[in-house]
Amino acid sequence: MGLILGNLPVRIRKIVMYTLSATDQKFFVKFFTRDVPNLSMRAVEAAIPILPSSLFIIWLMHWSSKEYKRSLRKNPKLYENDT
């Protein structure tokens, strides 16, 4: 009665079909010439705005821990006249 897979009575519209070409399926074709430089360029571009604040936070944490340890020490001048 004409109900073959290509001739069904139900019409389905707005379906988009995607396919990959044979060159897109090969992963390592341009890996070292295109992808690695692109990755390094994107990493540098992403690090430029983040790097100064990160370095400041690292310096602040180092300074604060050093200052805290220094503040815990006793002052020997306070105990010079104890006998």
Protein backbone atom coordinates (compact mmCIF):
# COMPACT_ATOMS: atom_id res chain seq x y z
CA MET A 1 0.00 0.00 0.00
CA GLY A 2 2.87 2.37 -0.39
CA LEU A 3 4.10 2.26 3.24
CA ILE A 4 7.71 1.83 2.35
CA LEU A 5 10.27 3.68 4.47
CA GLY A 6 10.68 6.53 2.02
CA ASN A 7 6.93 6.92 1.34
CA LEU A 8 5.31 7.07 4.79
CA PRO A 9 2.06 9.07 5.09
CA VAL A 10 3.48 11.26 7.92
CA ARG A 11 5.52 14.25 6.78
CA ILE A 12 8.33 15.37 9.09
CA ARG A 13 9.66 18.81 8.36
CA LYS A 14 12.56 20.96 9.56
CA ILE A 15 14.96 18.11 10.18
CA VAL A 16 18.57 19.02 9.61
CA MET A 17 20.99 16.23 8.81
CA TYR A 18 24.71 16.69 9.47
CA THR A 19 27.53 14.67 8.01
CA LEU A 20 31.29 14.79 8.36
CA SER A 21 33.63 14.66 5.46
CA ALA A 22 36.42 12.13 5.38
CA THR A 23 39.05 14.80 6.09
CA ASP A 24 37.21 15.97 9.24
CA GLN A 25 37.17 12.44 10.60
CA LYS A 26 40.94 12.22 10.57
CA PHE A 27 42.02 13.69 13.90
CA PHE A 28 45.79 14.03 13.55
CA VAL A 29 45.81 15.48 10.01
CA LYS A 30 46.57 19.06 11.07
CA PHE A 31 47.06 18.50 14.78
CA PHE A 32 50.61 19.82 15.08
CA THR A 33 50.39 22.50 12.40
CA ARG A 34 47.02 24.03 13.30
CA ASP A 35 45.66 22.78 16.65
CA VAL A 36 48.71 23.01 18.92
CA PRO A 37 49.56 26.62 17.92
CA ASN A 38 45.88 27.55 18.23
CA LEU A 39 45.72 26.01 21.70
CA SER A 40 48.87 27.82 22.85
CA MET A 41 47.64 31.14 21.46
CA ARG A 42 44.29 30.76 23.26
CA ALA A 43 46.02 29.80 26.50
CA VAL A 44 48.24 32.89 26.39
CA GLU A 45 45.28 35.14 25.55
CA ALA A 46 43.32 33.70 28.47
CA ALA A 47 46.26 34.01 30.88
CA ILE A 48 47.01 37.69 30.19
CA PRO A 49 44.06 39.14 32.19
CA ILE A 50 44.25 36.47 34.92
CA LEU A 51 48.00 36.44 35.56
CA PRO A 52 48.47 39.79 37.40
CA SER A 53 45.70 39.16 39.91
CA SER A 54 46.87 35.58 40.45
CA LEU A 55 50.43 36.71 41.12
CA PHE A 56 49.18 39.37 43.54
CA ILE A 57 47.09 36.82 45.45
CA ILE A 58 50.04 34.41 45.65
CA TRP A 59 52.29 37.19 46.94
CA LEU A 60 49.64 38.30 49.47
CA MET A 61 49.21 34.77 50.82
CA HIS A 62 52.97 34.31 51.14
CA TRP A 63 53.39 37.68 52.86
CA SER A 64 50.48 37.14 55.26
CA SER A 65 51.65 33.69 56.35
CA LYS A 66 55.19 35.01 56.90
CA GLU A 67 53.84 38.00 58.86
CA TYR A 68 51.62 35.74 60.97
CA LYS A 69 54.55 33.49 61.89
CA ARG A 70 56.61 36.56 62.75
CA SER A 71 53.88 37.94 65.01
CA LEU A 72 53.78 34.70 67.02
CA ARG A 73 57.42 35.01 68.10
CA LYS A 74 58.20 36.46 71.47
CA ASN A 75 60.19 39.66 71.75
CA PRO A 76 63.42 38.86 73.67
CA LYS A 77 63.74 42.49 74.85
CA LEU A 78 60.68 42.03 77.05
CA TYR A 79 62.45 39.32 79.07
CA GLU A 80 65.95 40.80 79.50
CA ASN A 81 65.51 41.87 83.13
CA ASP A 82 63.83 38.69 84.39
CA THR A 83 65.89 36.99 87.04
